[in-house]
Amino acid sequence: MAKKQKSITTKERVVDIQVSKEEKKNTPPLKKNTYKVEMINPAAMIFTKKNYILLGVSLGIILLGFILMSADKNTYGFLALSVAPVVILAGFAFVFYAILYKDKMSEKGEKE
């Protein structure tokens, strides 16, 4: 079996033609190793609106941690040394999640 080679460029993507059984009946037979070309939008957004909202929430959590750290009158108090750093680290973890978040609806749209 010979492997099919696909070439990918920044402006177009070559994909296999997938024809349903009904379309096969209505169309003439295709040549072997036929491909169709899909145009890829080079200006497509990487992040969705939800990603930006999650990033805003995570930055708010980080800001809350710094406010908690500075709000404690005692420099070596429990709030400044224990709670605030944990809140700040949770905010940075949430930033990581917000960057990697991918909506399930957008995945379905890409597959179709």
Protein backbone atom coordinates (compact mmCIF):
# COMPACT_ATOMS: atom_id res chain seq x y z
CA MET A 1 0.00 0.00 0.00
CA ALA A 2 1.33 3.35 -0.95
CA LYS A 3 0.97 6.06 1.68
CA LYS A 4 -0.90 9.21 0.72
CA GLN A 5 1.17 12.34 1.07
CA LYS A 6 -0.46 15.55 2.25
CA SER A 7 1.20 18.91 1.80
CA ILE A 8 0.31 21.69 4.22
CA THR A 9 1.06 25.35 3.64
CA THR A 10 0.12 28.49 5.56
CA LYS A 11 -2.68 29.39 3.17
CA GLU A 12 -4.23 26.08 2.19
CA ARG A 13 -4.65 22.59 3.50
CA VAL A 14 -5.03 19.46 1.38
CA VAL A 15 -7.52 16.94 2.74
CA ASP A 16 -9.05 13.70 1.49
CA ILE A 17 -12.36 13.97 -0.29
CA GLN A 18 -15.00 12.19 1.74
CA VAL A 19 -18.08 11.29 -0.28
CA SER A 20 -21.21 9.75 1.24
CA LYS A 21 -22.94 6.75 -0.33
CA GLU A 22 -25.73 8.92 -1.74
CA GLU A 23 -23.26 11.30 -3.36
CA LYS A 24 -21.37 8.36 -4.89
CA LYS A 25 -24.52 7.26 -6.71
CA ASN A 26 -25.12 10.74 -8.15
CA THR A 27 -21.55 11.60 -9.14
CA PRO A 28 -19.19 10.05 -11.64
CA PRO A 29 -16.36 7.96 -10.14
CA LEU A 30 -13.40 9.92 -8.82
CA LYS A 31 -9.80 9.30 -9.74
CA LYS A 32 -7.72 7.47 -7.16
CA ASN A 33 -5.84 9.72 -4.71
CA THR A 34 -8.07 12.74 -5.38
CA TYR A 35 -7.87 15.60 -2.88
CA LYS A 36 -9.80 18.79 -2.34
CA VAL A 37 -8.22 22.00 -1.09
CA GLU A 38 -9.64 23.90 1.90
CA MET A 39 -8.63 27.47 2.50
CA ILE A 40 -7.39 28.24 6.00
CA ASN A 41 -8.09 31.69 7.37
CA PRO A 42 -4.67 33.09 8.31
CA ALA A 43 -6.29 35.74 10.52
CA ALA A 44 -8.23 33.19 12.58
CA MET A 45 -8.29 33.95 16.30
CA ILE A 46 -6.44 31.52 18.52
CA PHE A 47 -8.41 32.44 21.64
CA THR A 48 -12.17 32.67 21.86
CA LYS A 49 -14.21 35.13 23.91
CA LYS A 50 -14.40 32.54 26.70
CA ASN A 51 -10.57 32.33 26.85
CA TYR A 52 -10.33 36.08 27.35
CA ILE A 53 -13.00 36.00 30.07
CA LEU A 54 -11.12 33.22 31.88
CA LEU A 55 -7.87 35.18 31.58
CA GLY A 56 -9.58 38.23 33.09
CA VAL A 57 -10.90 36.16 35.99
CA SER A 58 -7.48 34.67 36.62
CA LEU A 59 -5.84 38.10 36.63
CA GLY A 60 -8.51 39.18 39.13
CA ILE A 61 -7.58 36.22 41.37
CA ILE A 62 -3.91 37.20 41.20
CA LEU A 63 -4.77 40.80 42.03
CA LEU A 64 -6.90 39.60 44.98
CA GLY A 65 -3.89 37.66 46.27
CA PHE A 66 -1.68 40.74 46.17
CA ILE A 67 -4.39 42.80 47.88
CA LEU A 68 -4.64 40.15 50.63
CA MET A 69 -0.88 40.22 51.01
CA SER A 70 -0.75 43.99 51.44
CA ALA A 71 -3.94 44.24 53.55
CA ASP A 72 -2.49 42.36 56.51
CA LYS A 73 -1.12 44.92 59.01
CA ASN A 74 1.29 42.38 60.46
CA THR A 75 4.03 41.60 57.92
CA TYR A 76 4.48 38.09 59.27
CA GLY A 77 0.78 37.36 59.77
CA PHE A 78 -1.07 34.26 58.64
CA LEU A 79 -2.87 36.08 55.83
CA ALA A 80 0.29 37.57 54.30
CA LEU A 81 2.47 34.47 54.59
CA SER A 82 0.03 31.62 53.98
CA VAL A 83 -3.27 32.56 52.37
CA ALA A 84 -2.17 35.25 49.91
CA PRO A 85 0.62 33.22 48.24
CA VAL A 86 -1.73 30.26 47.78
CA VAL A 87 -4.33 32.56 46.18
CA ILE A 88 -1.67 34.02 43.85
CA LEU A 89 -0.46 30.55 42.82
CA ALA A 90 -4.07 29.49 42.22
CA GLY A 91 -4.46 32.54 39.98
CA PHE A 92 -1.39 31.58 37.94
CA ALA A 93 -2.66 28.00 37.66
CA PHE A 94 -5.96 29.39 36.40
CA VAL A 95 -4.06 31.46 33.78
CA PHE A 96 -2.52 28.22 32.52
CA TYR A 97 -5.99 26.63 32.34
CA ALA A 98 -7.45 29.69 30.57
CA ILE A 99 -4.74 29.57 27.89
CA LEU A 100 -5.21 25.85 27.23
CA TYR A 101 -9.03 25.90 27.38
CA LYS A 102 -10.67 24.85 24.12
CA ASP A 103 -14.42 25.00 23.72
CA LYS A 104 -16.12 21.73 22.75
CA MET A 105 -18.34 23.53 20.25
CA SER A 106 -15.33 24.96 18.40
CA GLU A 107 -13.78 21.48 18.18
CA LYS A 108 -16.96 20.16 16.52
CA GLY A 109 -16.89 23.05 14.06
CA GLU A 110 -13.30 22.30 13.06
CA LYS A 111 -13.97 18.60 12.46
CA GLU A 112 -16.91 19.24 10.12
